[in-house]
Protein backbone atom coordinates (compact mmCIF):
# COMPACT_ATOMS: atom_id res chain seq x y z
CA UNK A 1 12.99 6.66 21.63
CA UNK A 2 13.50 4.66 18.44
CA UNK A 3 14.60 1.06 18.13
CA UNK A 4 16.78 -0.25 15.32
CA UNK A 5 16.17 -4.00 15.28
CA UNK A 6 12.65 -5.42 15.09
CA UNK A 7 10.27 -7.68 13.18
CA UNK A 8 7.92 -6.58 10.39
CA UNK A 9 4.97 -8.35 8.77
CA UNK A 10 3.48 -8.11 5.28
CA UNK A 11 -0.10 -9.26 4.66
CA UNK A 12 -0.89 -11.57 1.75
CA UNK A 13 -4.61 -12.17 1.96
CA UNK A 14 -8.04 -11.61 0.44
CA UNK A 15 -10.55 -9.27 2.09
CA UNK A 16 -14.18 -10.12 2.72
CA UNK A 17 -15.03 -8.36 -0.50
CA UNK A 18 -17.45 -5.43 -0.31
CA UNK A 19 -18.08 -6.03 3.39
CA UNK A 20 -16.43 -3.33 5.48
CA UNK A 21 -17.44 -4.74 8.85
CA UNK A 22 -16.25 -8.28 8.10
CA UNK A 23 -13.01 -7.01 6.57
CA UNK A 24 -12.32 -4.87 9.64
CA UNK A 25 -12.80 -7.98 11.79
CA UNK A 26 -10.27 -9.77 9.59
CA UNK A 27 -7.95 -6.75 9.77
CA UNK A 28 -7.99 -6.81 13.56
CA UNK A 29 -7.38 -10.56 13.55
CA UNK A 30 -4.32 -10.13 11.32
CA UNK A 31 -3.05 -7.28 13.51
CA UNK A 32 -3.37 -9.51 16.58
CA UNK A 33 -1.64 -12.41 14.85
CA UNK A 34 1.29 -10.26 13.72
CA UNK A 35 1.71 -8.80 17.21
CA UNK A 36 1.56 -12.26 18.78
CA UNK A 37 4.40 -13.31 16.46
CA UNK A 38 6.54 -10.42 17.65
CA UNK A 39 6.02 -7.96 14.79
CA UNK A 40 6.24 -4.24 15.51
CA UNK A 41 4.81 -3.23 12.13
CA UNK A 42 2.18 -4.77 9.85
CA UNK A 43 1.50 -3.65 6.27
CA UNK A 44 -1.75 -4.19 4.34
CA UNK A 45 -2.43 -4.33 0.55
CA UNK A 46 -3.80 -1.63 -1.71
CA UNK A 47 -7.53 -1.00 -1.12
CA UNK A 48 -7.57 -3.83 1.42
CA UNK A 49 -10.85 -2.33 2.61
CA UNK A 50 -13.23 -3.20 0.96
CA UNK A 51 -11.06 -5.02 -1.61
CA UNK A 52 -9.58 -4.08 -4.95
CA UNK A 53 -12.34 -3.26 -7.49
CA UNK A 54 -11.41 -5.72 -10.22
CA UNK A 55 -14.78 -5.12 -11.90
CA UNK A 56 -13.33 -1.97 -13.49
CA UNK A 57 -10.96 -4.16 -15.54
CA UNK A 58 -13.50 -6.80 -16.62
CA UNK A 59 -16.06 -4.93 -18.75
CA UNK A 60 -17.43 -1.51 -19.68
CA UNK A 61 -17.86 1.33 -17.15
CA UNK A 62 -21.63 1.01 -17.60
CA UNK A 63 -21.54 -2.70 -16.70
CA UNK A 64 -19.38 -1.89 -13.66
CA UNK A 65 -21.93 0.59 -12.34
CA UNK A 66 -23.84 -2.29 -10.72
CA UNK A 67 -21.06 -2.44 -8.07
CA UNK A 68 -20.64 1.29 -7.45
CA UNK A 69 -23.18 1.86 -4.67
CA UNK A 70 -21.93 -1.15 -2.75
CA UNK A 71 -18.29 -0.20 -3.25
CA UNK A 72 -18.92 3.34 -2.01
CA UNK A 73 -21.01 2.09 0.90
CA UNK A 74 -18.23 -0.22 2.08
CA UNK A 75 -15.32 2.16 1.60
CA UNK A 76 -13.67 3.59 4.71
CA UNK A 77 -14.24 7.11 6.01
CA UNK A 78 -11.33 8.52 7.99
CA UNK A 79 -12.18 9.08 11.68
CA UNK A 80 -15.35 7.01 11.35
CA UNK A 81 -16.32 4.39 13.91
CA UNK A 82 -14.82 1.69 11.67
CA UNK A 83 -11.57 3.61 11.23
CA UNK A 84 -11.28 4.17 14.98
CA UNK A 85 -11.61 0.42 15.56
CA UNK A 86 -8.39 -0.09 13.59
CA UNK A 87 -6.65 2.67 15.53
CA UNK A 88 -7.69 0.98 18.78
CA UNK A 89 -6.45 -2.38 17.52
CA UNK A 90 -3.02 -0.88 16.82
CA UNK A 91 -2.92 0.46 20.39
CA UNK A 92 -4.32 -2.70 21.97
CA UNK A 93 -1.66 -4.83 20.30
CA UNK A 94 1.18 -2.29 20.50
CA UNK A 95 1.95 -2.47 16.78
CA UNK A 96 2.26 0.03 13.94
CA UNK A 97 -0.30 -0.48 11.19
CA UNK A 98 0.08 0.70 7.60
CA UNK A 99 -3.39 0.33 6.14
CA UNK A 100 -4.40 0.36 2.48
CA UNK A 101 -8.04 1.27 1.82
CA UNK A 102 -10.57 2.86 -0.47
CA UNK A 103 -11.23 6.19 1.22
CA UNK A 104 -14.69 7.69 0.88
CA UNK A 105 -14.77 11.47 1.18
CA UNK A 106 -18.32 12.67 0.52
CA UNK A 107 -19.04 11.70 -3.10
CA UNK A 108 -15.50 10.74 -4.07
CA UNK A 109 -13.22 7.76 -3.54
CA UNK A 110 -9.42 7.73 -3.22
CA UNK A 111 -6.82 4.96 -3.10
CA UNK A 112 -5.44 5.77 0.33
CA UNK A 113 -2.95 4.64 2.96
CA UNK A 114 -2.67 5.47 6.65
CA UNK A 115 0.27 5.04 8.98
CA UNK A 116 -1.06 4.39 12.50
CA UNK A 117 1.46 4.14 15.32
CA UNK A 118 1.46 1.68 18.21
CA UNK A 119 -0.42 4.15 20.43
CA UNK A 120 -3.31 4.22 17.94
CA UNK A 121 -2.49 7.68 16.60
CA UNK A 122 -2.70 8.25 12.86
CA UNK A 123 0.58 9.84 11.76
CA UNK A 124 -0.18 10.13 8.05
CA UNK A 125 -3.01 9.64 5.61
CA UNK A 126 -2.21 9.89 1.92
CA UNK A 127 -3.90 9.39 -1.43
CA UNK A 128 -2.46 7.79 -4.55
CA UNK A 129 -1.26 10.65 -6.72
CA UNK A 130 -2.55 9.23 -10.00
CA UNK A 131 -4.89 6.23 -10.15
CA UNK A 132 -3.67 3.75 -12.76
CA UNK A 133 -5.50 3.36 -16.08
CA UNK A 134 -9.00 1.95 -15.40
CA UNK A 135 -8.78 3.06 -11.76
CA UNK A 136 -9.42 6.60 -12.96
CA UNK A 137 -13.04 5.64 -13.69
CA UNK A 138 -13.59 5.15 -9.95
CA UNK A 139 -10.98 7.05 -7.92
CA UNK A 140 -9.83 10.65 -7.62
CA UNK A 141 -6.25 11.93 -7.41
CA UNK A 142 -4.15 12.90 -4.42
CA UNK A 143 -1.71 15.80 -4.19
CA UNK A 144 1.85 16.37 -3.03
CA UNK A 145 0.91 17.51 0.47
CA UNK A 146 1.05 13.94 1.80
CA UNK A 147 3.96 12.59 -0.23
CA UNK A 148 5.78 12.35 3.07
CA UNK A 149 8.18 10.16 4.99
CA UNK A 150 7.21 10.14 8.68
CA UNK A 151 9.65 10.08 11.59
CA UNK A 152 8.38 7.34 13.92
CA UNK A 153 9.60 5.26 16.85
CA UNK A 154 10.58 2.60 14.28
CA UNK A 155 12.47 4.97 12.01
CA UNK A 156 11.56 7.03 8.96
CA UNK A 157 8.62 5.34 7.24
CA UNK A 158 6.91 6.04 3.93
CA UNK A 159 4.31 4.35 1.75
CA UNK A 160 3.20 4.22 -1.87
CA UNK A 161 0.52 2.30 -3.74
CA UNK A 162 1.06 -0.13 -6.60
CA UNK A 163 2.34 1.60 -9.77
CA UNK A 164 3.40 4.70 -7.90
CA UNK A 165 6.53 2.55 -7.64
CA UNK A 166 7.25 2.95 -11.34
CA UNK A 167 7.15 6.76 -11.13
CA UNK A 168 10.84 7.75 -10.91
CA UNK A 169 10.21 11.27 -9.60
CA UNK A 170 7.79 10.13 -6.88
CA UNK A 171 10.29 7.51 -5.78
CA UNK A 172 13.07 10.06 -5.63
CA UNK A 173 10.87 12.36 -3.56
CA UNK A 174 10.61 9.55 -1.00
CA UNK A 175 14.33 8.75 -1.10
CA UNK A 176 15.12 12.44 -0.60
CA UNK A 177 13.32 12.38 2.75
CA UNK A 178 15.76 9.76 4.09
CA UNK A 179 13.24 6.93 3.99
CA UNK A 180 14.38 3.88 5.98
CA UNK A 181 11.35 1.59 5.77
CA UNK A 182 9.09 1.69 2.75
CA UNK A 183 5.65 0.12 2.61
CA UNK A 184 4.47 -0.98 -0.81
CA UNK A 185 0.73 -1.71 -0.96
CA UNK A 186 -0.17 -3.89 -3.95
CA UNK A 187 -3.38 -5.53 -5.23
CA UNK A 188 -3.21 -9.13 -6.39
CA UNK A 189 -1.51 -9.92 -9.70
CA UNK A 190 -4.15 -12.09 -11.26
CA UNK A 191 -5.81 -10.00 -13.95
CA UNK A 192 -5.01 -10.47 -17.66
CA UNK A 193 -2.47 -13.19 -16.79
CA UNK A 194 -0.32 -14.08 -19.78
CA UNK A 195 -1.75 -11.17 -21.76
CA UNK A 196 -0.20 -8.03 -20.21
CA UNK A 197 3.30 -8.74 -18.94
CA UNK A 198 3.58 -5.38 -17.16
CA UNK A 199 0.76 -6.47 -14.81
CA UNK A 200 2.45 -9.74 -13.86
CA UNK A 201 3.60 -10.60 -10.36
CA UNK A 202 7.13 -11.16 -11.65
CA UNK A 203 7.43 -7.63 -13.04
CA UNK A 204 5.95 -5.91 -10.02
CA UNK A 205 8.05 -7.93 -7.59
CA UNK A 206 11.04 -6.74 -9.59
CA UNK A 207 9.84 -3.16 -9.12
CA UNK A 208 9.71 -3.73 -5.34
CA UNK A 209 13.20 -5.23 -5.36
CA UNK A 210 14.66 -2.32 -7.31
CA UNK A 211 12.98 0.23 -5.01
CA UNK A 212 14.87 -1.21 -2.05
CA UNK A 213 18.14 -1.14 -3.96
CA UNK A 214 17.70 2.36 -5.38
CA UNK A 215 16.59 3.90 -2.09
CA UNK A 216 18.81 1.81 0.21
CA UNK A 217 15.78 1.18 2.40
CA UNK A 218 13.86 -1.82 3.67
CA UNK A 219 10.87 -2.65 1.47
CA UNK A 220 7.81 -4.30 3.02
CA UNK A 221 5.44 -5.28 0.23
CA UNK A 222 1.90 -6.31 1.15
CA UNK A 223 -0.20 -7.96 -1.54
CA UNK A 224 -3.84 -8.84 -1.96
CA UNK A 225 -5.35 -12.11 -3.12
CA UNK A 226 -8.39 -12.76 -5.26
CA UNK A 227 -10.67 -15.27 -3.53
CA UNK A 228 -13.16 -17.59 -5.19
CA UNK A 229 -15.89 -15.53 -3.54
CA UNK A 230 -14.62 -12.45 -5.35
CA UNK A 231 -14.63 -14.33 -8.66
CA UNK A 232 -18.20 -15.46 -8.02
CA UNK A 233 -19.33 -11.92 -7.22
CA UNK A 234 -17.67 -10.13 -10.14
CA UNK A 235 -17.27 -12.63 -12.97
CA UNK A 236 -20.68 -13.05 -14.56
CA UNK A 237 -19.58 -14.50 -17.91
CA UNK A 238 -16.96 -16.88 -19.20
CA UNK A 239 -15.21 -13.88 -20.75
CA UNK A 240 -14.94 -12.28 -17.30
CA UNK A 241 -13.61 -15.51 -15.80
CA UNK A 242 -10.94 -15.68 -18.48
CA UNK A 243 -9.63 -12.28 -17.37
CA UNK A 244 -9.38 -12.76 -13.59
CA UNK A 245 -7.97 -15.69 -11.63
CA UNK A 246 -7.86 -16.57 -7.95
CA UNK A 247 -4.65 -16.02 -5.98
CA UNK A 248 -2.11 -13.57 -7.37
CA UNK A 249 -0.22 -12.98 -4.12
CA UNK A 250 3.37 -11.71 -4.31
CA UNK A 251 4.08 -10.27 -0.87
CA UNK A 252 7.79 -9.55 -0.34
CA UNK A 253 10.33 -8.09 2.07
CA UNK A 254 13.71 -6.79 0.88
CA UNK A 255 16.75 -5.34 2.58
CA UNK A 256 18.48 -2.05 1.66
CA UNK A 257 20.91 -3.90 -0.61
CA UNK A 258 18.02 -5.50 -2.51
CA UNK A 259 18.42 -8.89 -0.82
CA UNK A 260 15.28 -10.98 -0.30
CA UNK A 261 14.89 -11.35 3.47
CA UNK A 262 12.28 -14.11 3.56
CA UNK A 263 11.02 -16.79 1.18
CA UNK A 264 7.71 -15.66 -0.32
CA UNK A 265 4.44 -17.48 0.19
CA UNK A 266 3.04 -19.29 -2.82
CA UNK A 267 0.84 -17.02 -5.00
CA UNK A 268 -2.38 -18.67 -3.81
CA UNK A 269 -1.43 -18.90 -0.11
CA UNK A 270 -2.96 -16.61 2.49
CA UNK A 271 -0.86 -15.56 5.45
CA UNK A 272 1.67 -13.16 6.93
CA UNK A 273 5.24 -12.79 5.73
CA UNK A 274 7.73 -11.95 8.50
CA UNK A 275 11.30 -10.67 8.55
CA UNK A 276 13.64 -9.26 11.18
CA UNK A 277 15.26 -6.01 10.11
CA UNK A 278 18.21 -3.99 11.42
CA UNK A 279 18.21 -0.32 10.41
CA UNK A 280 21.98 -0.14 10.81
CA UNK A 281 22.24 -2.22 7.62
CA UNK A 282 21.23 0.93 5.72
CA UNK A 283 24.58 2.51 6.59
CA UNK A 284 26.51 -0.09 4.59
CA UNK A 285 24.13 0.14 1.65
CA UNK A 286 24.41 3.93 1.49
CA UNK A 287 28.19 3.79 1.84
CA UNK A 288 28.20 2.28 -1.65
CA UNK A 289 25.62 4.50 -3.37
CA UNK A 290 23.48 7.19 -1.77
CA UNK A 291 21.30 8.76 -4.52
CA UNK A 292 20.41 11.79 -2.40
CA UNK A 293 23.93 12.29 -1.02
CA UNK A 294 27.40 11.41 -2.23
CA UNK A 295 26.12 9.57 -5.34
CA UNK A 296 23.89 12.44 -6.51
CA UNK A 297 24.63 15.14 -9.09
CA UNK A 298 22.32 18.00 -8.24
CA UNK A 299 24.23 20.26 -10.63
CA UNK A 300 23.02 18.03 -13.49
CA UNK A 301 19.53 16.89 -12.37
CA UNK A 302 17.29 17.87 -9.48
CA UNK A 303 13.68 17.37 -8.40
CA UNK A 304 10.99 19.97 -7.70
CA UNK A 305 8.65 18.59 -5.02
CA UNK A 306 5.49 20.68 -4.57
CA UNK A 307 3.73 19.83 -1.29
CA UNK A 308 1.02 22.46 -1.68
CA UNK A 309 -2.44 21.06 -0.81
CA UNK A 310 -4.89 21.30 -3.71
CA UNK A 311 -8.38 21.55 -2.19
CA UNK A 312 -11.22 22.01 -4.70
CA UNK A 313 -12.53 25.06 -2.80
CA UNK A 314 -10.54 27.83 -1.13
CA UNK A 315 -12.69 30.13 1.03
CA UNK A 316 -11.44 33.65 1.62
CA UNK A 317 -13.21 35.49 4.42
CA UNK A 318 -13.97 39.13 3.85
CA UNK A 319 -12.59 41.35 6.60
């Protein structure tokens, strides 16, 4: 049985960088805090575990190789002991968890998200379809098989990572599945500040806002922070320090008409952002403009969504 009115929480925080065990402890603490404040859903940033790999943006790929073993070793394996701890925490605190993490699958990494329900069952795991720019030096690609909106006890929920939100066709694929609550997982916005406007918190908050308006859905945007400890670990020269700053948090929650539902935290403040949502508000928003219904023109434009899995090896047994 689904409920229509409940509280959601968006994380704005820094991980314990490159320390999977410590970050899982912090994850469980945030889950407990959100549940204790009445939230039924908590959303985490992109690659929350073990932290966003800002070293890929600071110098050459060869220089960044010094972090690769540690980053791999602290990335999360699905169904591992560490992963199961998060599933148990969701069940223990009766809260849905949407987790952003670096997923390790044998020798490859993926920018992944999981939707874990309040019983501790994983409903969806997905991988970012196309890592952005420098991310492609570290992460592999996902496929369309998990570009899904999941029917849950809290409504129809979907999730995307970072600049997947500027891909019009991917967004429309989510809208077309009647998404009601969207989770946006973002890193911090503290790299190249003042140099690349597209990477600014202002621009990416605008993207979140427009997603809610275009899809007539609630948007819960979790956002990472860069801590001083992360700066100390990654920034080895003054040139590096000029490229990456502490803070960069822009967590947000929007309604299906694009309205901001809660005042944001300051960009350097760690905490949880809360809002009460009512799914019936979607009805009014869609009465004005439903892009997959009465406001669509499928005779003019339409989307092909291919959900075929793309495994690297297909084994055919001889009979």
